[in-house]
N, C-alpha and C. Protein backbone atom coordinates (compact mmCIF):
# COMPACT_ATOMS: atom_id res chain seq x y z
N MET A 1 6.35 13.98 46.85
CA MET A 1 5.71 14.02 45.56
C MET A 1 5.23 15.43 45.32
N GLY A 2 5.60 16.03 44.15
CA GLY A 2 5.21 17.39 43.83
C GLY A 2 3.81 17.45 43.24
N ILE A 3 3.36 18.66 43.04
CA ILE A 3 2.02 18.89 42.51
C ILE A 3 1.86 18.27 41.12
N PHE A 4 2.88 18.38 40.28
CA PHE A 4 2.77 17.92 38.90
C PHE A 4 3.36 16.52 38.68
N SER A 5 3.74 15.85 39.72
CA SER A 5 4.31 14.52 39.59
C SER A 5 3.20 13.48 39.44
N ALA A 6 3.50 12.49 38.67
CA ALA A 6 2.57 11.37 38.51
C ALA A 6 3.28 10.12 38.97
N PRO A 7 2.54 9.18 39.51
CA PRO A 7 3.19 7.94 39.93
C PRO A 7 3.80 7.22 38.73
N ALA A 8 4.94 6.61 38.95
CA ALA A 8 5.62 5.89 37.87
C ALA A 8 4.81 4.67 37.47
N SER A 9 4.75 4.43 36.19
CA SER A 9 4.02 3.28 35.67
C SER A 9 5.01 2.27 35.12
N THR A 10 4.77 1.01 35.38
CA THR A 10 5.66 -0.03 34.86
C THR A 10 5.23 -0.48 33.47
N ALA A 11 4.00 -0.17 33.08
CA ALA A 11 3.52 -0.58 31.76
C ALA A 11 3.93 0.45 30.72
N THR A 12 4.35 -0.02 29.57
CA THR A 12 4.67 0.90 28.48
C THR A 12 3.62 0.74 27.39
N PRO A 13 3.11 1.84 26.87
CA PRO A 13 2.07 1.74 25.85
C PRO A 13 2.62 1.14 24.56
N SER A 14 1.79 0.39 23.88
CA SER A 14 2.19 -0.22 22.62
C SER A 14 2.13 0.81 21.50
N MET A 15 3.23 0.94 20.75
CA MET A 15 3.28 1.88 19.64
C MET A 15 2.94 1.20 18.32
N GLU A 16 2.73 -0.11 18.34
CA GLU A 16 2.45 -0.83 17.10
C GLU A 16 1.04 -0.54 16.62
N ARG A 17 0.93 -0.22 15.34
CA ARG A 17 -0.37 0.05 14.73
C ARG A 17 -1.13 -1.26 14.60
N ARG A 18 -2.39 -1.22 14.94
CA ARG A 18 -3.21 -2.42 14.79
C ARG A 18 -3.51 -2.66 13.32
N ARG A 19 -3.36 -3.89 12.90
CA ARG A 19 -3.63 -4.26 11.52
C ARG A 19 -4.77 -5.27 11.51
N PRO A 20 -5.57 -5.24 10.47
CA PRO A 20 -6.67 -6.19 10.40
C PRO A 20 -6.18 -7.62 10.30
N ASN A 21 -7.02 -8.53 10.77
CA ASN A 21 -6.76 -9.97 10.69
C ASN A 21 -5.46 -10.37 11.38
N GLY A 22 -4.99 -9.57 12.32
CA GLY A 22 -3.79 -9.91 13.06
C GLY A 22 -2.52 -9.86 12.24
N ALA A 23 -2.54 -9.19 11.09
CA ALA A 23 -1.35 -9.10 10.24
C ALA A 23 -0.22 -8.40 10.98
N THR A 24 0.96 -8.93 10.84
CA THR A 24 2.12 -8.30 11.45
C THR A 24 3.16 -8.07 10.37
N GLY A 25 4.08 -7.24 10.67
CA GLY A 25 5.15 -6.99 9.70
C GLY A 25 5.54 -5.54 9.76
N GLY A 26 6.68 -5.27 9.25
CA GLY A 26 7.21 -3.91 9.30
C GLY A 26 7.02 -3.18 7.99
N LEU A 27 7.83 -2.16 7.82
CA LEU A 27 7.82 -1.33 6.63
C LEU A 27 9.05 -1.65 5.79
N SER A 28 8.83 -2.00 4.54
CA SER A 28 9.93 -2.25 3.60
C SER A 28 9.91 -1.13 2.57
N ILE A 29 11.08 -0.54 2.30
CA ILE A 29 11.15 0.62 1.40
C ILE A 29 12.07 0.32 0.22
N VAL A 30 11.56 0.63 -0.97
CA VAL A 30 12.38 0.63 -2.18
C VAL A 30 12.70 2.09 -2.45
N ALA A 31 13.94 2.49 -2.21
CA ALA A 31 14.34 3.90 -2.29
C ALA A 31 14.26 4.44 -3.70
N LYS A 32 14.24 5.76 -3.79
CA LYS A 32 14.06 6.47 -5.05
C LYS A 32 15.08 6.09 -6.11
N ASP A 33 16.31 5.85 -5.73
CA ASP A 33 17.37 5.55 -6.70
C ASP A 33 17.59 4.05 -6.90
N LEU A 34 16.63 3.22 -6.48
CA LEU A 34 16.79 1.77 -6.52
C LEU A 34 15.84 1.14 -7.54
N THR A 35 16.36 0.21 -8.33
CA THR A 35 15.55 -0.60 -9.24
C THR A 35 15.69 -2.05 -8.82
N ILE A 36 14.56 -2.73 -8.64
CA ILE A 36 14.56 -4.14 -8.28
C ILE A 36 13.95 -4.93 -9.43
N ALA A 37 14.68 -5.92 -9.92
CA ALA A 37 14.17 -6.83 -10.95
C ALA A 37 13.85 -8.14 -10.27
N GLY A 38 12.58 -8.40 -10.06
CA GLY A 38 12.13 -9.60 -9.36
C GLY A 38 10.92 -9.28 -8.51
N ASP A 39 10.26 -10.31 -8.03
CA ASP A 39 9.05 -10.13 -7.23
C ASP A 39 9.40 -9.72 -5.80
N LEU A 40 8.51 -8.91 -5.21
CA LEU A 40 8.64 -8.51 -3.80
C LEU A 40 7.48 -9.10 -3.02
N GLN A 41 7.75 -9.58 -1.80
CA GLN A 41 6.70 -10.10 -0.96
C GLN A 41 7.01 -9.74 0.49
N ALA A 42 5.99 -9.21 1.20
CA ALA A 42 6.15 -8.84 2.60
C ALA A 42 4.82 -8.99 3.31
N GLU A 43 4.87 -9.25 4.61
CA GLU A 43 3.64 -9.35 5.40
C GLU A 43 3.06 -7.98 5.72
N GLY A 44 3.90 -6.98 5.85
CA GLY A 44 3.46 -5.67 6.29
C GLY A 44 3.24 -4.70 5.15
N VAL A 45 3.96 -3.58 5.20
CA VAL A 45 3.81 -2.48 4.24
C VAL A 45 5.03 -2.42 3.34
N ILE A 46 4.80 -2.24 2.04
CA ILE A 46 5.89 -2.00 1.10
C ILE A 46 5.69 -0.60 0.53
N ARG A 47 6.68 0.26 0.71
CA ARG A 47 6.65 1.61 0.14
C ARG A 47 7.66 1.65 -1.00
N ILE A 48 7.19 2.04 -2.18
CA ILE A 48 8.05 2.05 -3.35
C ILE A 48 8.20 3.48 -3.84
N GLU A 49 9.43 3.97 -3.79
CA GLU A 49 9.77 5.29 -4.31
C GLU A 49 10.57 5.16 -5.60
N GLY A 50 11.15 3.99 -5.82
CA GLY A 50 11.97 3.71 -7.00
C GLY A 50 11.19 2.91 -8.02
N ARG A 51 11.83 1.84 -8.53
CA ARG A 51 11.22 1.05 -9.62
C ARG A 51 11.31 -0.43 -9.29
N VAL A 52 10.19 -1.14 -9.53
CA VAL A 52 10.15 -2.59 -9.36
C VAL A 52 9.69 -3.19 -10.68
N VAL A 53 10.51 -4.09 -11.23
CA VAL A 53 10.14 -4.84 -12.42
C VAL A 53 9.83 -6.25 -11.93
N GLY A 54 8.57 -6.48 -11.61
CA GLY A 54 8.13 -7.75 -11.03
C GLY A 54 6.86 -7.51 -10.24
N ASN A 55 6.28 -8.58 -9.73
CA ASN A 55 5.04 -8.49 -8.97
C ASN A 55 5.32 -8.07 -7.53
N VAL A 56 4.35 -7.37 -6.93
CA VAL A 56 4.48 -6.87 -5.56
C VAL A 56 3.31 -7.41 -4.74
N HIS A 57 3.63 -8.17 -3.68
CA HIS A 57 2.61 -8.73 -2.79
C HIS A 57 2.90 -8.24 -1.37
N ALA A 58 1.91 -7.60 -0.74
CA ALA A 58 2.07 -7.14 0.64
C ALA A 58 0.81 -7.50 1.42
N GLY A 59 0.99 -8.04 2.61
CA GLY A 59 -0.14 -8.42 3.44
C GLY A 59 -0.96 -7.25 3.91
N ASP A 60 -0.34 -6.09 4.10
CA ASP A 60 -1.05 -4.93 4.61
C ASP A 60 -1.25 -3.87 3.54
N GLN A 61 -0.19 -3.21 3.11
CA GLN A 61 -0.32 -2.10 2.16
C GLN A 61 0.82 -2.06 1.16
N VAL A 62 0.49 -1.55 -0.03
CA VAL A 62 1.50 -1.14 -1.00
C VAL A 62 1.32 0.35 -1.19
N LEU A 63 2.37 1.11 -0.93
CA LEU A 63 2.36 2.56 -1.08
C LEU A 63 3.33 2.91 -2.21
N LEU A 64 2.80 3.37 -3.33
CA LEU A 64 3.64 3.74 -4.47
C LEU A 64 3.70 5.25 -4.54
N SER A 65 4.86 5.80 -4.28
CA SER A 65 5.04 7.25 -4.25
C SER A 65 5.02 7.84 -5.66
N GLU A 66 4.75 9.14 -5.75
CA GLU A 66 4.83 9.84 -7.02
C GLU A 66 6.26 9.68 -7.54
N GLY A 67 6.39 9.31 -8.79
CA GLY A 67 7.71 9.05 -9.37
C GLY A 67 8.10 7.59 -9.30
N GLY A 68 7.42 6.80 -8.46
CA GLY A 68 7.69 5.37 -8.37
C GLY A 68 7.02 4.62 -9.51
N VAL A 69 7.59 3.45 -9.87
CA VAL A 69 7.08 2.65 -10.98
C VAL A 69 7.03 1.19 -10.57
N ILE A 70 5.91 0.53 -10.89
CA ILE A 70 5.79 -0.92 -10.75
C ILE A 70 5.44 -1.47 -12.13
N GLU A 71 6.29 -2.37 -12.63
CA GLU A 71 6.01 -3.07 -13.88
C GLU A 71 5.70 -4.51 -13.53
N GLY A 72 4.47 -4.74 -13.11
CA GLY A 72 4.03 -6.05 -12.66
C GLY A 72 2.72 -5.89 -11.91
N ASP A 73 2.20 -6.99 -11.40
CA ASP A 73 0.92 -6.97 -10.69
C ASP A 73 1.13 -6.63 -9.22
N VAL A 74 0.09 -6.01 -8.63
CA VAL A 74 0.09 -5.64 -7.22
C VAL A 74 -1.04 -6.40 -6.54
N VAL A 75 -0.72 -7.10 -5.44
CA VAL A 75 -1.73 -7.81 -4.65
C VAL A 75 -1.50 -7.43 -3.19
N THR A 76 -2.55 -6.88 -2.56
CA THR A 76 -2.42 -6.40 -1.19
C THR A 76 -3.79 -6.19 -0.57
N ARG A 77 -3.82 -5.83 0.70
CA ARG A 77 -5.07 -5.46 1.36
C ARG A 77 -5.49 -4.07 0.91
N GLU A 78 -4.54 -3.13 0.90
CA GLU A 78 -4.83 -1.76 0.51
C GLU A 78 -3.68 -1.22 -0.33
N ALA A 79 -4.01 -0.59 -1.46
CA ALA A 79 -2.99 0.00 -2.32
C ALA A 79 -3.25 1.50 -2.44
N VAL A 80 -2.20 2.29 -2.23
CA VAL A 80 -2.26 3.74 -2.44
C VAL A 80 -1.24 4.03 -3.54
N ILE A 81 -1.74 4.46 -4.69
CA ILE A 81 -0.91 4.58 -5.89
C ILE A 81 -0.74 6.06 -6.23
N GLY A 82 0.52 6.51 -6.22
CA GLY A 82 0.83 7.88 -6.61
C GLY A 82 1.73 7.94 -7.83
N GLY A 83 2.26 6.79 -8.24
CA GLY A 83 3.16 6.71 -9.39
C GLY A 83 2.52 5.97 -10.55
N ARG A 84 3.35 5.19 -11.26
CA ARG A 84 2.88 4.48 -12.46
C ARG A 84 2.88 2.97 -12.21
N VAL A 85 1.78 2.33 -12.61
CA VAL A 85 1.68 0.87 -12.54
C VAL A 85 1.36 0.35 -13.93
N HIS A 86 2.18 -0.60 -14.39
CA HIS A 86 1.93 -1.30 -15.65
C HIS A 86 1.63 -2.74 -15.28
N GLY A 87 0.39 -3.01 -14.88
CA GLY A 87 -0.04 -4.32 -14.43
C GLY A 87 -1.33 -4.19 -13.66
N SER A 88 -1.90 -5.30 -13.26
CA SER A 88 -3.17 -5.27 -12.53
C SER A 88 -2.95 -4.98 -11.05
N ILE A 89 -3.98 -4.41 -10.42
CA ILE A 89 -3.95 -4.12 -8.98
C ILE A 89 -5.13 -4.84 -8.34
N THR A 90 -4.85 -5.67 -7.34
CA THR A 90 -5.89 -6.31 -6.55
C THR A 90 -5.74 -5.85 -5.11
N GLY A 91 -6.72 -5.10 -4.64
CA GLY A 91 -6.75 -4.63 -3.26
C GLY A 91 -7.92 -5.27 -2.55
N ALA A 92 -7.67 -6.17 -1.62
CA ALA A 92 -8.75 -6.90 -0.96
C ALA A 92 -9.77 -5.97 -0.33
N GLU A 93 -9.32 -4.82 0.19
CA GLU A 93 -10.23 -3.88 0.83
C GLU A 93 -10.36 -2.56 0.08
N ARG A 94 -9.22 -1.97 -0.37
CA ARG A 94 -9.28 -0.60 -0.88
C ARG A 94 -8.13 -0.32 -1.83
N VAL A 95 -8.43 0.46 -2.88
CA VAL A 95 -7.40 0.98 -3.78
C VAL A 95 -7.63 2.47 -3.93
N GLU A 96 -6.56 3.25 -3.78
CA GLU A 96 -6.62 4.70 -3.98
C GLU A 96 -5.67 5.06 -5.11
N VAL A 97 -6.22 5.73 -6.13
CA VAL A 97 -5.42 6.22 -7.25
C VAL A 97 -5.32 7.73 -7.08
N GLN A 98 -4.13 8.20 -6.73
CA GLN A 98 -3.94 9.62 -6.46
C GLN A 98 -3.85 10.42 -7.75
N ALA A 99 -3.92 11.75 -7.62
CA ALA A 99 -3.94 12.65 -8.78
C ALA A 99 -2.73 12.48 -9.68
N SER A 100 -1.60 12.09 -9.13
CA SER A 100 -0.36 11.94 -9.90
C SER A 100 -0.20 10.56 -10.52
N ALA A 101 -1.15 9.65 -10.29
CA ALA A 101 -1.00 8.25 -10.67
C ALA A 101 -1.47 7.96 -12.09
N VAL A 102 -0.81 6.97 -12.70
CA VAL A 102 -1.23 6.42 -13.99
C VAL A 102 -1.20 4.90 -13.84
N VAL A 103 -2.35 4.26 -14.06
CA VAL A 103 -2.46 2.81 -13.97
C VAL A 103 -2.82 2.27 -15.35
N HIS A 104 -1.95 1.40 -15.88
CA HIS A 104 -2.21 0.70 -17.14
C HIS A 104 -2.48 -0.76 -16.78
N GLY A 105 -3.71 -1.06 -16.41
CA GLY A 105 -4.07 -2.42 -16.02
C GLY A 105 -5.39 -2.40 -15.28
N ASP A 106 -5.90 -3.59 -14.99
CA ASP A 106 -7.19 -3.74 -14.34
C ASP A 106 -7.06 -3.55 -12.83
N ILE A 107 -8.16 -3.09 -12.22
CA ILE A 107 -8.22 -2.92 -10.76
C ILE A 107 -9.38 -3.75 -10.24
N THR A 108 -9.12 -4.57 -9.22
CA THR A 108 -10.15 -5.34 -8.53
C THR A 108 -10.08 -4.99 -7.05
N THR A 109 -11.19 -4.54 -6.48
CA THR A 109 -11.21 -4.12 -5.08
C THR A 109 -12.64 -3.99 -4.58
N ARG A 110 -12.79 -3.80 -3.29
CA ARG A 110 -14.11 -3.53 -2.70
C ARG A 110 -14.43 -2.05 -2.69
N ARG A 111 -13.40 -1.23 -2.42
CA ARG A 111 -13.59 0.23 -2.38
C ARG A 111 -12.51 0.87 -3.24
N LEU A 112 -12.92 1.88 -4.03
CA LEU A 112 -12.00 2.54 -4.95
C LEU A 112 -12.16 4.04 -4.85
N LEU A 113 -11.02 4.73 -4.75
CA LEU A 113 -10.99 6.19 -4.79
C LEU A 113 -10.04 6.60 -5.90
N ILE A 114 -10.56 7.37 -6.86
CA ILE A 114 -9.71 7.93 -7.91
C ILE A 114 -9.78 9.44 -7.77
N GLN A 115 -8.67 10.04 -7.38
CA GLN A 115 -8.62 11.49 -7.25
C GLN A 115 -8.63 12.13 -8.63
N GLU A 116 -9.14 13.36 -8.68
CA GLU A 116 -9.17 14.10 -9.93
C GLU A 116 -7.76 14.22 -10.48
N GLY A 117 -7.58 13.82 -11.73
CA GLY A 117 -6.26 13.82 -12.35
C GLY A 117 -5.64 12.44 -12.42
N GLY A 118 -6.09 11.52 -11.57
CA GLY A 118 -5.60 10.15 -11.62
C GLY A 118 -6.11 9.45 -12.86
N THR A 119 -5.29 8.58 -13.45
CA THR A 119 -5.64 7.92 -14.71
C THR A 119 -5.64 6.41 -14.54
N VAL A 120 -6.71 5.78 -15.04
CA VAL A 120 -6.80 4.32 -15.06
C VAL A 120 -7.15 3.89 -16.48
N ASN A 121 -6.26 3.14 -17.11
CA ASN A 121 -6.49 2.57 -18.44
C ASN A 121 -6.63 1.07 -18.27
N GLY A 122 -7.85 0.63 -17.98
CA GLY A 122 -8.12 -0.78 -17.74
C GLY A 122 -9.50 -0.94 -17.17
N ALA A 123 -9.89 -2.17 -16.93
CA ALA A 123 -11.21 -2.47 -16.37
C ALA A 123 -11.17 -2.35 -14.85
N VAL A 124 -12.32 -2.01 -14.28
CA VAL A 124 -12.46 -1.93 -12.83
C VAL A 124 -13.55 -2.89 -12.39
N LYS A 125 -13.23 -3.76 -11.45
CA LYS A 125 -14.21 -4.69 -10.89
C LYS A 125 -14.36 -4.39 -9.41
N MET A 126 -15.58 -4.03 -9.02
CA MET A 126 -15.88 -3.72 -7.62
C MET A 126 -16.64 -4.90 -7.02
N GLU A 127 -16.16 -5.40 -5.90
CA GLU A 127 -16.83 -6.49 -5.21
C GLU A 127 -17.63 -5.93 -4.06
N ARG A 128 -18.81 -6.49 -3.83
CA ARG A 128 -19.66 -6.03 -2.72
C ARG A 128 -19.08 -6.48 -1.39
N LEU A 129 -19.27 -5.66 -0.37
CA LEU A 129 -18.76 -5.98 0.96
C LEU A 129 -19.45 -7.20 1.57
N ASP A 130 -20.73 -7.42 1.25
CA ASP A 130 -21.47 -8.53 1.84
C ASP A 130 -21.38 -9.81 1.00
N GLY A 131 -20.47 -9.83 0.06
CA GLY A 131 -20.23 -11.04 -0.73
C GLY A 131 -20.97 -11.03 -1.98
């Protein structure tokens, strides 16, 4: 055994990100050149770079990239919006409206971040963490 050698380990570290409430699921991507007409539903994360005409439900996160469009409602644990949403957003824990985002609809969440330049045309309902 050399100076810089370490004993071999049989255990491999887990690379899976911990999600609240034991949620599992992978990453689903709607590519930039893709348009989906219909509702999307996933347990994990949905990243949208293209366009969705329908409702989007994700157990963990909805990530809408700059240039992405959702024409429908968003329901998720956490939403990070960089594109355009024409519909309501419900984030059980958190909603982030980035500087490039435009939201035409209501937002319901416990925590809200609107970056300078982000636009929200609708009502905002904030729920208290303690109920």
